[in-house]
């Protein structure tokens, strides 16, 4: 079991390291299948760094599950499973709501963020 978990954890850890440098967006499912014009709408570096943090967390969860097997501590399995299952669910909701990683588009004179405070 320990060897199997390490075989799973090492590639995830390598991908997390690559993503933490703001590179490797091709590793992100969904993003890598977008057209170039769609990709230009997103802050690629910020998205990569966020996803690297999620992947580090998943590695932590898998490590806890592995340690629970080694030390026979049931609580580590529970915490590890919550992290390993919860983080991907959280990240899917977080990334796909609120336009957090979309670039702001400024249209020059048509900028709607400016308000006219003349009282009319």
PDB file of N, CA and C in Angstrom:
ATOM      1  N   UNK A   1       0.828  -1.207   0.000  1.00  0.00           N
ATOM      2  CA  UNK A   1       0.000   0.000   0.000  1.00  0.00           C
ATOM      3  C   UNK A   1       0.864   1.259   0.000  1.00  0.00           C
ATOM      4  N   UNK A   2       1.943   1.235   0.763  1.00  0.00           N
ATOM      5  CA  UNK A   2       2.797   2.414   0.865  1.00  0.00           C
ATOM      6  C   UNK A   2       3.446   2.722  -0.478  1.00  0.00           C
ATOM      7  N   UNK A   3       3.916   1.682  -1.163  1.00  0.00           N
ATOM      8  CA  UNK A   3       4.553   1.891  -2.465  1.00  0.00           C
ATOM      9  C   UNK A   3       3.534   2.420  -3.472  1.00  0.00           C
ATOM     10  N   UNK A   4       2.323   1.883  -3.434  1.00  0.00           N
ATOM     11  CA  UNK A   4       1.277   2.330  -4.354  1.00  0.00           C
ATOM     12  C   UNK A   4       0.955   3.808  -4.138  1.00  0.00           C
ATOM     13  N   UNK A   5       0.867   4.224  -2.883  1.00  0.00           N
ATOM     14  CA  UNK A   5       0.579   5.632  -2.596  1.00  0.00           C
ATOM     15  C   UNK A   5       1.727   6.533  -3.046  1.00  0.00           C
ATOM     16  N   UNK A   6       2.955   6.069  -2.877  1.00  0.00           N
ATOM     17  CA  UNK A   6       4.089   6.865  -3.333  1.00  0.00           C
ATOM     18  C   UNK A   6       4.098   6.998  -4.850  1.00  0.00           C
ATOM     19  N   UNK A   7       3.704   5.930  -5.533  1.00  0.00           N
ATOM     20  CA  UNK A   7       3.624   5.978  -6.997  1.00  0.00           C
ATOM     21  C   UNK A   7       2.587   7.002  -7.429  1.00  0.00           C
ATOM     22  N   UNK A   8       1.544   7.165  -6.653  1.00  0.00           N
ATOM     23  CA  UNK A   8       0.511   8.162  -6.962  1.00  0.00           C
ATOM     24  C   UNK A   8       0.966   9.563  -6.544  1.00  0.00           C
ATOM     25  N   UNK A   9       1.597   9.669  -5.380  1.00  0.00           N
ATOM     26  CA  UNK A   9       1.955  10.977  -4.828  1.00  0.00           C
ATOM     27  C   UNK A   9       3.082  11.671  -5.588  1.00  0.00           C
ATOM     28  N   UNK A  10       4.074  10.934  -6.039  1.00  0.00           N
ATOM     29  CA  UNK A  10       5.239  11.554  -6.673  1.00  0.00           C
ATOM     30  C   UNK A  10       4.866  12.331  -7.942  1.00  0.00           C
ATOM     31  N   UNK A  11       4.095  11.752  -8.874  1.00  0.00           N
ATOM     32  CA  UNK A  11       3.714  12.564 -10.049  1.00  0.00           C
ATOM     33  C   UNK A  11       2.868  13.791  -9.688  1.00  0.00           C
ATOM     34  N   UNK A  12       1.986  13.643  -8.701  1.00  0.00           N
ATOM     35  CA  UNK A  12       1.175  14.787  -8.279  1.00  0.00           C
ATOM     36  C   UNK A  12       2.069  15.868  -7.687  1.00  0.00           C
ATOM     37  N   UNK A  13       3.053  15.466  -6.912  1.00  0.00           N
ATOM     38  CA  UNK A  13       3.983  16.420  -6.316  1.00  0.00           C
ATOM     39  C   UNK A  13       4.812  17.117  -7.392  1.00  0.00           C
ATOM     40  N   UNK A  14       5.257  16.382  -8.390  1.00  0.00           N
ATOM     41  CA  UNK A  14       6.023  16.984  -9.486  1.00  0.00           C
ATOM     42  C   UNK A  14       5.164  17.996 -10.244  1.00  0.00           C
ATOM     43  N   UNK A  15       3.911  17.627 -10.517  1.00  0.00           N
ATOM     44  CA  UNK A  15       3.011  18.565 -11.198  1.00  0.00           C
ATOM     45  C   UNK A  15       2.765  19.803 -10.347  1.00  0.00           C
ATOM     46  N   UNK A  16       2.644  19.624  -9.032  1.00  0.00           N
ATOM     47  CA  UNK A  16       2.427  20.767  -8.142  1.00  0.00           C
ATOM     48  C   UNK A  16       3.618  21.707  -8.161  1.00  0.00           C
ATOM     49  N   UNK A  17       4.821  21.153  -8.207  1.00  0.00           N
ATOM     50  CA  UNK A  17       6.021  21.984  -8.254  1.00  0.00           C
ATOM     51  C   UNK A  17       6.061  22.789  -9.554  1.00  0.00           C
ATOM     52  N   UNK A  18       5.748  22.136 -10.658  1.00  0.00           N
ATOM     53  CA  UNK A  18       5.733  22.836 -11.955  1.00  0.00           C
ATOM     54  C   UNK A  18       4.686  23.953 -11.940  1.00  0.00           C
ATOM     55  N   UNK A  19       3.492  23.638 -11.452  1.00  0.00           N
ATOM     56  CA  UNK A  19       2.423  24.638 -11.417  1.00  0.00           C
ATOM     57  C   UNK A  19       2.734  25.781 -10.463  1.00  0.00           C
ATOM     58  N   UNK A  20       3.439  25.502  -9.371  1.00  0.00           N
ATOM     59  CA  UNK A  20       3.738  26.557  -8.398  1.00  0.00           C
ATOM     60  C   UNK A  20       4.664  27.618  -8.972  1.00  0.00           C
ATOM     61  N   UNK A  21       5.358  27.309 -10.048  1.00  0.00           N
ATOM     62  CA  UNK A  21       6.206  28.292 -10.722  1.00  0.00           C
ATOM     63  C   UNK A  21       5.425  29.100 -11.754  1.00  0.00           C
ATOM     64  N   UNK A  22       4.106  28.840 -11.845  1.00  0.00           N
ATOM     65  CA  UNK A  22       3.273  29.566 -12.796  1.00  0.00           C
ATOM     66  C   UNK A  22       3.339  28.993 -14.193  1.00  0.00           C
ATOM     67  N   UNK A  23       3.927  27.844 -14.324  1.00  0.00           N
ATOM     68  CA  UNK A  23       4.077  27.186 -15.629  1.00  0.00           C
ATOM     69  C   UNK A  23       3.217  25.923 -15.644  1.00  0.00           C
ATOM     70  N   UNK A  24       3.123  25.297 -16.800  1.00  0.00           N
ATOM     71  CA  UNK A  24       2.460  24.000 -16.893  1.00  0.00           C
ATOM     72  C   UNK A  24       0.955  24.054 -16.965  1.00  0.00           C
ATOM     73  N   UNK A  25       0.403  25.111 -17.527  1.00  0.00           N
ATOM     74  CA  UNK A  25      -1.051  25.195 -17.638  1.00  0.00           C
ATOM     75  C   UNK A  25      -1.613  24.069 -18.498  1.00  0.00           C
ATOM     76  N   UNK A  26      -0.758  23.454 -19.322  1.00  0.00           N
ATOM     77  CA  UNK A  26      -1.208  22.327 -20.132  1.00  0.00           C
ATOM     78  C   UNK A  26      -1.602  21.141 -19.262  1.00  0.00           C
ATOM     79  N   UNK A  27      -1.208  21.150 -17.996  1.00  0.00           N
ATOM     80  CA  UNK A  27      -1.571  20.071 -17.071  1.00  0.00           C
ATOM     81  C   UNK A  27      -2.992  20.220 -16.535  1.00  0.00           C
ATOM     82  N   UNK A  28      -3.602  21.375 -16.741  1.00  0.00           N
ATOM     83  CA  UNK A  28      -4.923  21.642 -16.192  1.00  0.00           C
ATOM     84  C   UNK A  28      -6.008  21.228 -17.178  1.00  0.00           C
ATOM     85  N   UNK A  29      -6.745  20.216 -16.805  1.00  0.00           N
ATOM     86  CA  UNK A  29      -7.830  19.745 -17.663  1.00  0.00           C
ATOM     87  C   UNK A  29      -8.850  20.859 -17.830  1.00  0.00           C
ATOM     88  N   UNK A  30      -9.366  21.002 -19.004  1.00  0.00           N
ATOM     89  CA  UNK A  30     -10.320  22.065 -19.293  1.00  0.00           C
ATOM     90  C   UNK A  30      -9.614  23.291 -19.834  1.00  0.00           C
ATOM     91  N   UNK A  31      -8.594  23.738 -19.138  1.00  0.00           N
ATOM     92  CA  UNK A  31      -7.850  24.908 -19.617  1.00  0.00           C
ATOM     93  C   UNK A  31      -7.069  24.550 -20.869  1.00  0.00           C
ATOM     94  N   UNK A  32      -6.464  23.377 -20.874  1.00  0.00           N
ATOM     95  CA  UNK A  32      -5.635  23.007 -22.019  1.00  0.00           C
ATOM     96  C   UNK A  32      -6.452  22.694 -23.269  1.00  0.00           C
ATOM     97  N   UNK A  33      -7.751  22.505 -23.122  1.00  0.00           N
ATOM     98  CA  UNK A  33      -8.595  22.229 -24.286  1.00  0.00           C
ATOM     99  C   UNK A  33      -9.270  23.488 -24.833  1.00  0.00           C
ATOM    100  N   UNK A  34      -9.082  24.613 -24.168  1.00  0.00           N
ATOM    101  CA  UNK A  34      -9.664  25.868 -24.636  1.00  0.00           C
ATOM    102  C   UNK A  34      -8.933  26.367 -25.875  1.00  0.00           C
ATOM    103  N   UNK A  35      -9.635  27.152 -26.665  1.00  0.00           N
ATOM    104  CA  UNK A  35      -8.988  27.806 -27.803  1.00  0.00           C
ATOM    105  C   UNK A  35      -8.075  28.907 -27.269  1.00  0.00           C
ATOM    106  N   UNK A  36      -7.149  29.342 -28.097  1.00  0.00           N
ATOM    107  CA  UNK A  36      -6.211  30.380 -27.683  1.00  0.00           C
ATOM    108  C   UNK A  36      -6.939  31.666 -27.295  1.00  0.00           C
ATOM    109  N   UNK A  37      -8.014  31.993 -28.006  1.00  0.00           N
ATOM    110  CA  UNK A  37      -8.753  33.215 -27.688  1.00  0.00           C
ATOM    111  C   UNK A  37      -9.437  33.105 -26.325  1.00  0.00           C
ATOM    112  N   UNK A  38      -9.877  31.913 -25.968  1.00  0.00           N
ATOM    113  CA  UNK A  38     -10.482  31.705 -24.643  1.00  0.00           C
ATOM    114  C   UNK A  38      -9.415  31.760 -23.553  1.00  0.00           C
ATOM    115  N   UNK A  39      -8.250  31.159 -23.820  1.00  0.00           N
ATOM    116  CA  UNK A  39      -7.164  31.157 -22.830  1.00  0.00           C
ATOM    117  C   UNK A  39      -6.696  32.567 -22.499  1.00  0.00           C
ATOM    118  N   UNK A  40      -6.765  33.472 -23.476  1.00  0.00           N
ATOM    119  CA  UNK A  40      -6.328  34.852 -23.264  1.00  0.00           C
ATOM    120  C   UNK A  40      -7.195  35.585 -22.252  1.00  0.00           C
ATOM    121  N   UNK A  41      -8.369  35.078 -21.959  1.00  0.00           N
ATOM    122  CA  UNK A  41      -9.278  35.713 -21.015  1.00  0.00           C
ATOM    123  C   UNK A  41      -8.931  35.395 -19.561  1.00  0.00           C
ATOM    124  N   UNK A  42      -7.990  34.463 -19.327  1.00  0.00           N
ATOM    125  CA  UNK A  42      -7.679  34.007 -17.980  1.00  0.00           C
ATOM    126  C   UNK A  42      -6.276  34.408 -17.564  1.00  0.00           C
ATOM    127  N   UNK A  43      -6.106  34.592 -16.263  1.00  0.00           N
ATOM    128  CA  UNK A  43      -4.795  34.859 -15.671  1.00  0.00           C
ATOM    129  C   UNK A  43      -4.134  33.505 -15.446  1.00  0.00           C
ATOM    130  N   UNK A  44      -3.351  33.086 -16.416  1.00  0.00           N
ATOM    131  CA  UNK A  44      -2.780  31.740 -16.421  1.00  0.00           C
ATOM    132  C   UNK A  44      -1.875  31.485 -15.219  1.00  0.00           C
ATOM    133  N   UNK A  45      -1.005  32.419 -14.900  1.00  0.00           N
ATOM    134  CA  UNK A  45      -0.057  32.222 -13.797  1.00  0.00           C
ATOM    135  C   UNK A  45      -0.784  32.069 -12.461  1.00  0.00           C
ATOM    136  N   UNK A  46      -1.774  32.924 -12.207  1.00  0.00           N
ATOM    137  CA  UNK A  46      -2.522  32.838 -10.955  1.00  0.00           C
ATOM    138  C   UNK A  46      -3.296  31.527 -10.849  1.00  0.00           C
ATOM    139  N   UNK A  47      -3.862  31.086 -11.959  1.00  0.00           N
ATOM    140  CA  UNK A  47      -4.591  29.822 -11.985  1.00  0.00           C
ATOM    141  C   UNK A  47      -3.650  28.661 -11.694  1.00  0.00           C
ATOM    142  N   UNK A  48      -2.461  28.682 -12.283  1.00  0.00           N
ATOM    143  CA  UNK A  48      -1.479  27.618 -12.044  1.00  0.00           C
ATOM    144  C   UNK A  48      -1.053  27.582 -10.576  1.00  0.00           C
ATOM    145  N   UNK A  49      -0.798  28.738 -10.008  1.00  0.00           N
ATOM    146  CA  UNK A  49      -0.358  28.788  -8.607  1.00  0.00           C
ATOM    147  C   UNK A  49      -1.463  28.291  -7.680  1.00  0.00           C
ATOM    148  N   UNK A  50      -2.703  28.677  -7.946  1.00  0.00           N
ATOM    149  CA  UNK A  50      -3.815  28.193  -7.129  1.00  0.00           C
ATOM    150  C   UNK A  50      -3.925  26.670  -7.210  1.00  0.00           C
ATOM    151  N   UNK A  51      -3.850  26.144  -8.425  1.00  0.00           N
ATOM    152  CA  UNK A  51      -3.980  24.698  -8.592  1.00  0.00           C
ATOM    153  C   UNK A  51      -2.804  23.951  -7.976  1.00  0.00           C
ATOM    154  N   UNK A  52      -1.626  24.574  -7.935  1.00  0.00           N
ATOM    155  CA  UNK A  52      -0.491  23.924  -7.271  1.00  0.00           C
ATOM    156  C   UNK A  52      -0.759  23.771  -5.777  1.00  0.00           C
ATOM    157  N   UNK A  53      -1.385  24.769  -5.179  1.00  0.00           N
ATOM    158  CA  UNK A  53      -1.716  24.678  -3.755  1.00  0.00           C
ATOM    159  C   UNK A  53      -2.711  23.553  -3.493  1.00  0.00           C
ATOM    160  N   UNK A  54      -3.671  23.388  -4.389  1.00  0.00           N
ATOM    161  CA  UNK A  54      -4.631  22.297  -4.260  1.00  0.00           C
ATOM    162  C   UNK A  54      -3.908  20.956  -4.373  1.00  0.00           C
ATOM    163  N   UNK A  55      -2.982  20.855  -5.307  1.00  0.00           N
ATOM    164  CA  UNK A  55      -2.263  19.588  -5.500  1.00  0.00           C
ATOM    165  C   UNK A  55      -1.341  19.283  -4.323  1.00  0.00           C
ATOM    166  N   UNK A  56      -0.724  20.300  -3.736  1.00  0.00           N
ATOM    167  CA  UNK A  56       0.064  20.078  -2.512  1.00  0.00           C
ATOM    168  C   UNK A  56      -0.841  19.543  -1.406  1.00  0.00           C
ATOM    169  N   UNK A  57      -2.037  20.094  -1.311  1.00  0.00           N
ATOM    170  CA  UNK A  57      -2.993  19.624  -0.312  1.00  0.00           C
ATOM    171  C   UNK A  57      -3.407  18.192  -0.545  1.00  0.00           C
ATOM    172  N   UNK A  58      -3.620  17.820  -1.798  1.00  0.00           N
ATOM    173  CA  UNK A  58      -3.978  16.440  -2.115  1.00  0.00           C
ATOM    174  C   UNK A  58      -2.829  15.503  -1.730  1.00  0.00           C
ATOM    175  N   UNK A  59      -1.601  15.928  -1.986  1.00  0.00           N
ATOM    176  CA  UNK A  59      -0.440  15.124  -1.573  1.00  0.00           C
ATOM    177  C   UNK A  59      -0.417  14.948  -0.055  1.00  0.00           C
ATOM    178  N   UNK A  60      -0.750  16.004   0.667  1.00  0.00           N
ATOM    179  CA  UNK A  60      -0.816  15.904   2.126  1.00  0.00           C
ATOM    180  C   UNK A  60      -1.867  14.888   2.550  1.00  0.00           C
ATOM    181  N   UNK A  61      -3.039  14.944   1.929  1.00  0.00           N
ATOM    182  CA  UNK A  61      -4.096  13.989   2.245  1.00  0.00           C
ATOM    183  C   UNK A  61      -3.670  12.554   1.970  1.00  0.00           C
ATOM    184  N   UNK A  62      -3.023  12.328   0.844  1.00  0.00           N
ATOM    185  CA  UNK A  62      -2.544  10.982   0.515  1.00  0.00           C
ATOM    186  C   UNK A  62      -1.451  10.537   1.473  1.00  0.00           C
ATOM    187  N   UNK A  63      -0.599  11.477   1.893  1.00  0.00           N
ATOM    188  CA  UNK A  63       0.438  11.148   2.871  1.00  0.00           C
ATOM    189  C   UNK A  63      -0.184  10.739   4.204  1.00  0.00           C
ATOM    190  N   UNK A  64      -1.216  11.454   4.625  1.00  0.00           N
ATOM    191  CA  UNK A  64      -1.895  11.100   5.880  1.00  0.00           C
ATOM    192  C   UNK A  64      -2.520   9.707   5.792  1.00  0.00           C
ATOM    193  N   UNK A  65      -3.112   9.395   4.651  1.00  0.00           N
ATOM    194  CA  UNK A  65      -3.690   8.057   4.478  1.00  0.00           C
ATOM    195  C   UNK A  65      -2.598   6.998   4.550  1.00  0.00           C
ATOM    196  N   UNK A  66      -1.463   7.275   3.921  1.00  0.00           N
ATOM    197  CA  UNK A  66      -0.336   6.338   3.956  1.00  0.00           C
ATOM    198  C   UNK A  66       0.203   6.174   5.377  1.00  0.00           C
ATOM    199  N   UNK A  67       0.340   7.278   6.084  1.00  0.00           N
ATOM    200  CA  UNK A  67       0.832   7.209   7.460  1.00  0.00           C
ATOM    201  C   UNK A  67      -0.139   6.466   8.374  1.00  0.00           C
ATOM    202  N   UNK A  68      -1.427   6.593   8.105  1.00  0.00           N
ATOM    203  CA  UNK A  68      -2.408   5.884   8.923  1.00  0.00           C
ATOM    204  C   UNK A  68      -2.255   4.379   8.766  1.00  0.00           C
ATOM    205  N   UNK A  69      -1.915   3.953   7.576  1.00  0.00           N
ATOM    206  CA  UNK A  69      -1.674   2.523   7.344  1.00  0.00           C
ATOM    207  C   UNK A  69      -0.429   2.068   8.084  1.00  0.00           C
ATOM    208  N   UNK A  70       0.598   2.897   8.071  1.00  0.00           N
ATOM    209  CA  UNK A  70       1.858   2.545   8.717  1.00  0.00           C
ATOM    210  C   UNK A  70       1.723   2.520  10.241  1.00  0.00           C
ATOM    211  N   UNK A  71       1.050   3.522  10.807  1.00  0.00           N
ATOM    212  CA  UNK A  71       0.981   3.655  12.267  1.00  0.00           C
ATOM    213  C   UNK A  71      -0.339   3.169  12.861  1.00  0.00           C
ATOM    214  N   UNK A  72      -1.250   2.672  12.018  1.00  0.00           N
ATOM    215  CA  UNK A  72      -2.546   2.142  12.464  1.00  0.00           C
ATOM    216  C   UNK A  72      -3.341   3.168  13.273  1.00  0.00           C
ATOM    217  N   UNK A  73      -3.421   4.390  12.743  1.00  0.00           N
ATOM    218  CA  UNK A  73      -4.179   5.466  13.377  1.00  0.00           C
ATOM    219  C   UNK A  73      -5.360   5.799  12.470  1.00  0.00           C
ATOM    220  N   UNK A  74      -6.557   5.427  12.888  1.00  0.00           N
ATOM    221  CA  UNK A  74      -7.756   5.587  12.078  1.00  0.00           C
ATOM    222  C   UNK A  74      -8.085   7.046  11.786  1.00  0.00           C
ATOM    223  N   UNK A  75      -7.788   7.944  12.710  1.00  0.00           N
ATOM    224  CA  UNK A  75      -8.109   9.358  12.522  1.00  0.00           C
ATOM    225  C   UNK A  75      -7.382   9.951  11.323  1.00  0.00           C
ATOM    226  N   UNK A  76      -6.174   9.466  11.049  1.00  0.00           N
ATOM    227  CA  UNK A  76      -5.427   9.969   9.905  1.00  0.00           C
ATOM    228  C   UNK A  76      -6.108   9.613   8.584  1.00  0.00           C
ATOM    229  N   UNK A  77      -6.744   8.444   8.528  1.00  0.00           N
ATOM    230  CA  UNK A  77      -7.479   8.060   7.318  1.00  0.00           C
ATOM    231  C   UNK A  77      -8.633   9.025   7.092  1.00  0.00           C
ATOM    232  N   UNK A  78      -9.342   9.319   8.144  1.00  0.00           N
ATOM    233  CA  UNK A  78     -10.504  10.200   8.023  1.00  0.00           C
ATOM    234  C   UNK A  78     -10.078  11.593   7.573  1.00  0.00           C
ATOM    235  N   UNK A  79      -9.070  12.151   8.228  1.00  0.00           N
ATOM    236  CA  UNK A  79      -8.588  13.488   7.863  1.00  0.00           C
ATOM    237  C   UNK A  79      -8.032  13.471   6.441  1.00  0.00           C
ATOM    238  N   UNK A  80      -7.275  12.434   6.115  1.00  0.00           N
ATOM    239  CA  UNK A  80      -6.706  12.317   4.766  1.00  0.00           C
ATOM    240  C   UNK A  80      -7.771  12.242   3.692  1.00  0.00           C
ATOM    241  N   UNK A  81      -8.826  11.473   3.935  1.00  0.00           N
ATOM    242  CA  UNK A  81      -9.912  11.363   2.962  1.00  0.00           C
ATOM    243  C   UNK A  81     -10.672  12.680   2.821  1.00  0.00           C
ATOM    244  N   UNK A  82     -10.901  13.360   3.932  1.00  0.00           N
ATOM    245  CA  UNK A  82     -11.589  14.651   3.869  1.00  0.00           C
ATOM    246  C   UNK A  82     -10.781  15.633   3.025  1.00  0.00           C
ATOM    247  N   UNK A  83      -9.467  15.666   3.232  1.00  0.00           N
ATOM    248  CA  UNK A  83      -8.614  16.568   2.454  1.00  0.00           C
ATOM    249  C   UNK A  83      -8.579  16.151   0.990  1.00  0.00           C
ATOM    250  N   UNK A  84      -8.367  14.849   0.737  1.00  0.00           N
ATOM    251  CA  UNK A  84      -8.208  14.356  -0.630  1.00  0.00           C
ATOM    252  C   UNK A  84      -9.483  14.499  -1.453  1.00  0.00           C
ATOM    253  N   UNK A  85     -10.625  14.362  -0.826  1.00  0.00           N
ATOM    254  CA  UNK A  85     -11.895  14.503  -1.546  1.00  0.00           C
ATOM    255  C   UNK A  85     -12.393  15.944  -1.500  1.00  0.00           C
ATOM    256  N   UNK A  86     -12.215  16.599  -0.367  1.00  0.00           N
ATOM    257  CA  UNK A  86     -12.748  17.945  -0.183  1.00  0.00           C
ATOM    258  C   UNK A  86     -12.050  19.014  -1.003  1.00  0.00           C
ATOM    259  N   UNK A  87     -10.727  18.948  -1.104  1.00  0.00           N
ATOM    260  CA  UNK A  87     -10.000  19.980  -1.854  1.00  0.00           C
ATOM    261  C   UNK A  87     -10.380  20.042  -3.333  1.00  0.00           C
ATOM    262  N   UNK A  88     -10.460  18.913  -4.036  1.00  0.00           N
ATOM    263  CA  UNK A  88     -10.893  19.019  -5.439  1.00  0.00           C
ATOM    264  C   UNK A  88     -12.308  19.572  -5.579  1.00  0.00           C
ATOM    265  N   UNK A  89     -13.202  19.188  -4.677  1.00  0.00           N
ATOM    266  CA  UNK A  89     -14.565  19.721  -4.732  1.00  0.00           C
ATOM    267  C   UNK A  89     -14.563  21.227  -4.492  1.00  0.00           C
ATOM    268  N   UNK A  90     -13.825  21.659  -3.473  1.00  0.00           N
ATOM    269  CA  UNK A  90     -13.701  23.083  -3.185  1.00  0.00           C
ATOM    270  C   UNK A  90     -13.121  23.832  -4.376  1.00  0.00           C
ATOM    271  N   UNK A  91     -12.060  23.290  -4.977  1.00  0.00           N
ATOM    272  CA  UNK A  91     -11.398  23.991  -6.069  1.00  0.00           C
ATOM    273  C   UNK A  91     -12.297  24.121  -7.290  1.00  0.00           C
ATOM    274  N   UNK A  92     -13.106  23.100  -7.567  1.00  0.00           N
ATOM    275  CA  UNK A  92     -14.016  23.184  -8.711  1.00  0.00           C
ATOM    276  C   UNK A  92     -15.021  24.318  -8.519  1.00  0.00           C
ATOM    277  N   UNK A  93     -15.551  24.436  -7.311  1.00  0.00           N
ATOM    278  CA  UNK A  93     -16.513  25.502  -7.032  1.00  0.00           C
ATOM    279  C   UNK A  93     -15.813  26.859  -7.046  1.00  0.00           C
ATOM    280  N   UNK A  94     -14.669  26.947  -6.401  1.00  0.00           N
ATOM    281  CA  UNK A  94     -13.952  28.219  -6.285  1.00  0.00           C
ATOM    282  C   UNK A  94     -13.510  28.760  -7.640  1.00  0.00           C
ATOM    283  N   UNK A  95     -12.956  27.902  -8.482  1.00  0.00           N
ATOM    284  CA  UNK A  95     -12.442  28.344  -9.775  1.00  0.00           C
ATOM    285  C   UNK A  95     -13.571  28.726 -10.726  1.00  0.00           C
ATOM    286  N   UNK A  96     -14.678  28.013 -10.651  1.00  0.00           N
ATOM    287  CA  UNK A  96     -15.748  28.227 -11.625  1.00  0.00           C
ATOM    288  C   UNK A  96     -16.806  29.230 -11.197  1.00  0.00           C
ATOM    289  N   UNK A  97     -16.632  29.863 -10.058  1.00  0.00           N
ATOM    290  CA  UNK A  97     -17.578  30.889  -9.623  1.00  0.00           C
ATOM    291  C   UNK A  97     -16.823  32.193  -9.382  1.00  0.00           C
ATOM    292  N   UNK A  98     -17.465  33.284  -9.615  1.00  0.00           N
ATOM    293  CA  UNK A  98     -16.914  34.584  -9.272  1.00  0.00           C
ATOM    294  C   UNK A  98     -15.894  35.151 -10.236  1.00  0.00           C
ATOM    295  N   UNK A  99     -15.592  34.481 -11.336  1.00  0.00           N
ATOM    296  CA  UNK A  99     -14.616  34.987 -12.307  1.00  0.00           C
ATOM    297  C   UNK A  99     -13.302  35.391 -11.654  1.00  0.00           C
ATOM    298  N   UNK A 100     -12.832  34.600 -10.702  1.00  0.00           N
ATOM    299  CA  UNK A 100     -11.634  34.934  -9.942  1.00  0.00           C
ATOM    300  C   UNK A 100     -10.364  34.955 -10.783  1.00  0.00           C
ATOM    301  N   UNK A 101     -10.304  34.171 -11.817  1.00  0.00           N
ATOM    302  CA  UNK A 101      -9.093  34.066 -12.616  1.00  0.00           C
ATOM    303  C   UNK A 101      -9.248  34.657 -14.009  1.00  0.00           C
ATOM    304  N   UNK A 102     -10.347  35.362 -14.236  1.00  0.00           N
ATOM    305  CA  UNK A 102     -10.535  36.031 -15.530  1.00  0.00           C
ATOM    306  C   UNK A 102      -9.873  37.395 -15.485  1.00  0.00           C
ATOM    307  N   UNK A 103      -9.291  37.768 -16.615  1.00  0.00           N
ATOM    308  CA  UNK A 103      -8.676  39.082 -16.722  1.00  0.00           C
ATOM    309  C   UNK A 103      -9.776  40.129 -16.815  1.00  0.00           C
ATOM    310  N   UNK A 104      -9.502  41.297 -16.239  1.00  0.00           N
ATOM    311  CA  UNK A 104     -10.448  42.397 -16.342  1.00  0.00           C
ATOM    312  C   UNK A 104     -10.274  43.061 -17.699  1.00  0.00           C
ATOM    313  N   UNK A 105     -11.374  43.331 -18.348  1.00  0.00           N
ATOM    314  CA  UNK A 105     -11.338  43.940 -19.671  1.00  0.00           C
ATOM    315  C   UNK A 105     -11.701  45.409 -19.539  1.00  0.00           C
ATOM    316  N   UNK A 106     -10.819  46.262 -20.014  1.00  0.00           N
ATOM    317  CA  UNK A 106     -11.065  47.703 -19.991  1.00  0.00           C
ATOM    318  C   UNK A 106     -11.319  48.161 -21.413  1.00  0.00           C
ATOM    319  N   UNK A 107     -12.418  48.878 -21.603  1.00  0.00           N
ATOM    320  CA  UNK A 107     -12.806  49.331 -22.935  1.00  0.00           C
ATOM    321  C   UNK A 107     -12.552  50.824 -23.143  1.00  0.00           C
ATOM    322  N   UNK A 108     -11.544  51.353 -22.518  1.00  0.00           N
ATOM    323  CA  UNK A 108     -11.222  52.773 -22.721  1.00  0.00           C
ATOM    324  C   UNK A 108     -12.296  53.690 -22.178  1.00  0.00           C
ATOM    325  N   UNK A 109     -12.938  54.464 -23.057  1.00  0.00           N
ATOM    326  CA  UNK A 109     -13.952  55.431 -22.652  1.00  0.00           C
ATOM    327  C   UNK A 109     -15.239  54.765 -22.188  1.00  0.00           C
ATOM    328  N   UNK A 110     -15.471  53.535 -22.571  1.00  0.00           N
ATOM    329  CA  UNK A 110     -16.706  52.841 -22.216  1.00  0.00           C
ATOM    330  C   UNK A 110     -16.585  52.094 -20.894  1.00  0.00           C
ATOM    331  N   UNK A 111     -15.651  52.521 -20.052  1.00  0.00           N
ATOM    332  CA  UNK A 111     -15.429  51.841 -18.781  1.00  0.00           C
ATOM    333  C   UNK A 111     -16.619  52.084 -17.859  1.00  0.00           C
ATOM    334  N   UNK A 112     -17.327  51.049 -17.518  1.00  0.00           N
ATOM    335  CA  UNK A 112     -18.537  51.176 -16.703  1.00  0.00           C
ATOM    336  C   UNK A 112     -18.233  51.329 -15.225  1.00  0.00           C
ATOM    337  N   UNK A 113     -16.936  51.179 -14.827  1.00  0.00           N
ATOM    338  CA  UNK A 113     -16.614  51.322 -13.409  1.00  0.00           C
ATOM    339  C   UNK A 113     -16.593  52.780 -12.984  1.00  0.00           C
ATOM    340  N   UNK A 114     -16.461  53.686 -13.941  1.00  0.00           N
ATOM    341  CA  UNK A 114     -16.491  55.106 -13.611  1.00  0.00           C
ATOM    342  C   UNK A 114     -17.944  55.556 -13.481  1.00  0.00           C
ATOM    343  N   UNK A 115     -18.223  56.260 -12.429  1.00  0.00           N
ATOM    344  CA  UNK A 115     -19.594  56.736 -12.225  1.00  0.00           C
ATOM    345  C   UNK A 115     -19.631  58.244 -12.352  1.00  0.00           C
ATOM    346  N   UNK A 116     -20.757  58.719 -12.789  1.00  0.00           N
ATOM    347  CA  UNK A 116     -20.960  60.145 -12.922  1.00  0.00           C
ATOM    348  C   UNK A 116     -21.692  60.622 -11.683  1.00  0.00           C
ATOM    349  N   UNK A 117     -21.020  61.391 -10.846  1.00  0.00           N
ATOM    350  CA  UNK A 117     -21.601  61.842  -9.585  1.00  0.00           C
ATOM    351  C   UNK A 117     -22.135  63.260  -9.687  1.00  0.00           C
ATOM    352  N   UNK A 118     -22.779  63.593 -10.776  1.00  0.00           N
ATOM    353  CA  UNK A 118     -23.301  64.956 -10.920  1.00  0.00           C
ATOM    354  C   UNK A 118     -24.686  65.099 -10.297  1.00  0.00           C
ATOM    355  N   UNK A 119     -25.295  64.006  -9.864  1.00  0.00           N
ATOM    356  CA  UNK A 119     -26.581  64.076  -9.225  1.00  0.00           C
ATOM    357  C   UNK A 119     -27.742  64.000 -10.193  1.00  0.00           C
ATOM    358  N   UNK A 120     -27.515  63.774 -11.440  1.00  0.00           N
ATOM    359  CA  UNK A 120     -28.603  63.719 -12.414  1.00  0.00           C
ATOM    360  C   UNK A 120     -29.101  62.339 -12.595  1.00  0.00           C
TER     361      UNK A 120
END
